[in-house]
Each structure stands twice: as C-alpha cells, then as structure tokens.
C-alpha cells in the first residue's frame, strides 16, 4: 500500500499488528532507525499491545528478546541491527 504521510503508514502498521496479535500470531516489525522503532513502540503502548523492542539501546537484552520473538502472540519491533546474523 502507498500512504501519503508517515503518520498514515505507521498507523496502518499498528492496525496490522493489532489484527495479528488478536489471533495470537507472532509479529516482527522491521524498522530502519531507532527513532522509528521507538515511535511504533509508543503507538503500540497506547493501544495496549505488549511488545519488545530490539535496537541498539537494548542490545544487552537481545538474546532474551530473540528467544521469545516467534512465540504465539509475541510482537517484536527490531531495527536493522537484528539483521546482522540474528535468526528470529
């Protein structure tokens, strides 16, 4: 889909995450920047969607976050740091 603004795009991402989470499907949201990962995290918090953020600020928790990322209902937001040899 094409969105006119970033706000519309991120709102659509949150809506898709909500739908998947409602049926207990694990979700991985990939972002390019820490700022975007934190923005989506804030939006999900407002919606009451539990999630984990995997970015350079939380690298010490990486093993734990990755271990739970594929579980039923898990929502993980990751920057491209997760792409450097991390299997989710």
C-alpha atoms as a PDB file:
ATOM      1  CA  UNK A   1       0.000   0.000   0.000  1.00  0.00           C
ATOM      2  CA  UNK A   2       1.023   3.594  -0.531  1.00  0.00           C
ATOM      3  CA  UNK A   3       0.419   6.215   2.155  1.00  0.00           C
ATOM      4  CA  UNK A   4       0.507   9.982   1.816  1.00  0.00           C
ATOM      5  CA  UNK A   5       2.209  10.558   5.172  1.00  0.00           C
ATOM      6  CA  UNK A   6       4.435   8.669   7.585  1.00  0.00           C
ATOM      7  CA  UNK A   7       1.715   9.059  10.205  1.00  0.00           C
ATOM      8  CA  UNK A   8      -0.745   7.169   7.972  1.00  0.00           C
ATOM      9  CA  UNK A   9       1.863   4.492   7.257  1.00  0.00           C
ATOM     10  CA  UNK A  10       2.704   3.908  10.918  1.00  0.00           C
ATOM     11  CA  UNK A  11      -0.990   3.896  11.867  1.00  0.00           C
ATOM     12  CA  UNK A  12      -1.537   1.155   9.259  1.00  0.00           C
ATOM     13  CA  UNK A  13       1.383  -0.833  10.693  1.00  0.00           C
ATOM     14  CA  UNK A  14      -0.125  -0.605  14.177  1.00  0.00           C
ATOM     15  CA  UNK A  15      -3.527  -1.715  12.859  1.00  0.00           C
ATOM     16  CA  UNK A  16      -1.968  -4.755  11.161  1.00  0.00           C
ATOM     17  CA  UNK A  17      -0.078  -5.626  14.343  1.00  0.00           C
ATOM     18  CA  UNK A  18      -3.320  -5.356  16.356  1.00  0.00           C
ATOM     19  CA  UNK A  19      -5.115  -7.702  13.949  1.00  0.00           C
ATOM     20  CA  UNK A  20      -2.327 -10.292  14.044  1.00  0.00           C
ATOM     21  CA  UNK A  21      -1.950 -10.039  17.817  1.00  0.00           C
ATOM     22  CA  UNK A  22      -5.705 -10.546  18.269  1.00  0.00           C
ATOM     23  CA  UNK A  23      -5.394 -14.011  16.691  1.00  0.00           C
ATOM     24  CA  UNK A  24      -2.192 -14.835  18.621  1.00  0.00           C
ATOM     25  CA  UNK A  25       0.055 -14.598  15.545  1.00  0.00           C
ATOM     26  CA  UNK A  26       3.668 -13.578  16.223  1.00  0.00           C
ATOM     27  CA  UNK A  27       4.698 -10.336  14.520  1.00  0.00           C
ATOM     28  CA  UNK A  28       8.083  -8.892  13.590  1.00  0.00           C
ATOM     29  CA  UNK A  29       8.127  -5.218  12.589  1.00  0.00           C
ATOM     30  CA  UNK A  30      11.373  -4.180  10.915  1.00  0.00           C
ATOM     31  CA  UNK A  31      12.461  -0.547  11.085  1.00  0.00           C
ATOM     32  CA  UNK A  32      15.479   1.314   9.759  1.00  0.00           C
ATOM     33  CA  UNK A  33      16.079   3.672  12.687  1.00  0.00           C
ATOM     34  CA  UNK A  34      15.939   3.583  16.467  1.00  0.00           C
ATOM     35  CA  UNK A  35      13.621   6.598  16.347  1.00  0.00           C
ATOM     36  CA  UNK A  36      11.102   4.739  14.186  1.00  0.00           C
ATOM     37  CA  UNK A  37      11.250   1.654  16.400  1.00  0.00           C
ATOM     38  CA  UNK A  38      10.562   3.841  19.435  1.00  0.00           C
ATOM     39  CA  UNK A  39       7.715   5.672  17.681  1.00  0.00           C
ATOM     40  CA  UNK A  40       5.983   2.414  16.760  1.00  0.00           C
ATOM     41  CA  UNK A  41       6.589   1.148  20.293  1.00  0.00           C
ATOM     42  CA  UNK A  42       4.905   4.257  21.700  1.00  0.00           C
ATOM     43  CA  UNK A  43       1.932   3.781  19.356  1.00  0.00           C
ATOM     44  CA  UNK A  44       1.579   0.121  20.354  1.00  0.00           C
ATOM     45  CA  UNK A  45       1.779   1.042  24.053  1.00  0.00           C
ATOM     46  CA  UNK A  46      -1.108   3.474  23.557  1.00  0.00           C
ATOM     47  CA  UNK A  47      -3.125   0.615  22.041  1.00  0.00           C
ATOM     48  CA  UNK A  48      -2.256  -1.704  24.928  1.00  0.00           C
ATOM     49  CA  UNK A  49      -0.319  -4.141  22.731  1.00  0.00           C
ATOM     50  CA  UNK A  50       2.504  -5.825  24.675  1.00  0.00           C
ATOM     51  CA  UNK A  51       5.734  -5.918  22.677  1.00  0.00           C
ATOM     52  CA  UNK A  52       9.525  -5.977  22.812  1.00  0.00           C
ATOM     53  CA  UNK A  53      11.911  -3.562  21.121  1.00  0.00           C
ATOM     54  CA  UNK A  54      15.207  -4.823  19.739  1.00  0.00           C
ATOM     55  CA  UNK A  55      17.513  -1.955  18.855  1.00  0.00           C
ATOM     56  CA  UNK A  56      20.979  -0.729  19.797  1.00  0.00           C
ATOM     57  CA  UNK A  57      19.637   0.726  23.069  1.00  0.00           C
ATOM     58  CA  UNK A  58      18.510  -2.717  24.253  1.00  0.00           C
ATOM     59  CA  UNK A  59      21.311  -4.872  22.825  1.00  0.00           C
ATOM     60  CA  UNK A  60      22.056  -6.379  26.254  1.00  0.00           C
ATOM     61  CA  UNK A  61      18.573  -7.959  26.198  1.00  0.00           C
ATOM     62  CA  UNK A  62      18.930  -9.258  22.636  1.00  0.00           C
ATOM     63  CA  UNK A  63      19.173 -12.975  23.484  1.00  0.00           C
ATOM     64  CA  UNK A  64      16.045 -12.873  25.646  1.00  0.00           C
ATOM     65  CA  UNK A  65      14.048 -10.796  23.150  1.00  0.00           C
ATOM     66  CA  UNK A  66      15.022 -13.053  20.235  1.00  0.00           C
ATOM     67  CA  UNK A  67      14.258 -16.192  22.254  1.00  0.00           C
ATOM     68  CA  UNK A  68      10.630 -15.106  22.638  1.00  0.00           C
ATOM     69  CA  UNK A  69      10.160 -13.365  19.280  1.00  0.00           C
ATOM     70  CA  UNK A  70       8.493 -16.258  17.467  1.00  0.00           C
ATOM     71  CA  UNK A  71       6.168 -17.314  20.263  1.00  0.00           C
ATOM     72  CA  UNK A  72       2.416 -17.155  19.801  1.00  0.00           C
ATOM     73  CA  UNK A  73       1.205 -13.583  20.158  1.00  0.00           C
ATOM     74  CA  UNK A  74       4.699 -12.100  20.503  1.00  0.00           C
ATOM     75  CA  UNK A  75       5.215  -8.670  18.958  1.00  0.00           C
ATOM     76  CA  UNK A  76       8.810  -7.652  18.277  1.00  0.00           C
ATOM     77  CA  UNK A  77       9.965  -4.336  16.834  1.00  0.00           C
ATOM     78  CA  UNK A  78      13.503  -4.506  15.513  1.00  0.00           C
ATOM     79  CA  UNK A  79      15.899  -2.150  13.802  1.00  0.00           C
ATOM     80  CA  UNK A  80      18.273  -3.462  11.173  1.00  0.00           C
ATOM     81  CA  UNK A  81      20.696  -4.428  13.977  1.00  0.00           C
ATOM     82  CA  UNK A  82      18.633  -7.618  14.194  1.00  0.00           C
ATOM     83  CA  UNK A  83      19.643  -8.410  10.630  1.00  0.00           C
ATOM     84  CA  UNK A  84      23.290  -8.866  11.478  1.00  0.00           C
ATOM     85  CA  UNK A  85      23.284 -12.608  11.977  1.00  0.00           C
ATOM     86  CA  UNK A  86      20.248 -12.816  14.245  1.00  0.00           C
ATOM     87  CA  UNK A  87      17.709 -15.512  13.419  1.00  0.00           C
ATOM     88  CA  UNK A  88      14.173 -14.885  14.598  1.00  0.00           C
END
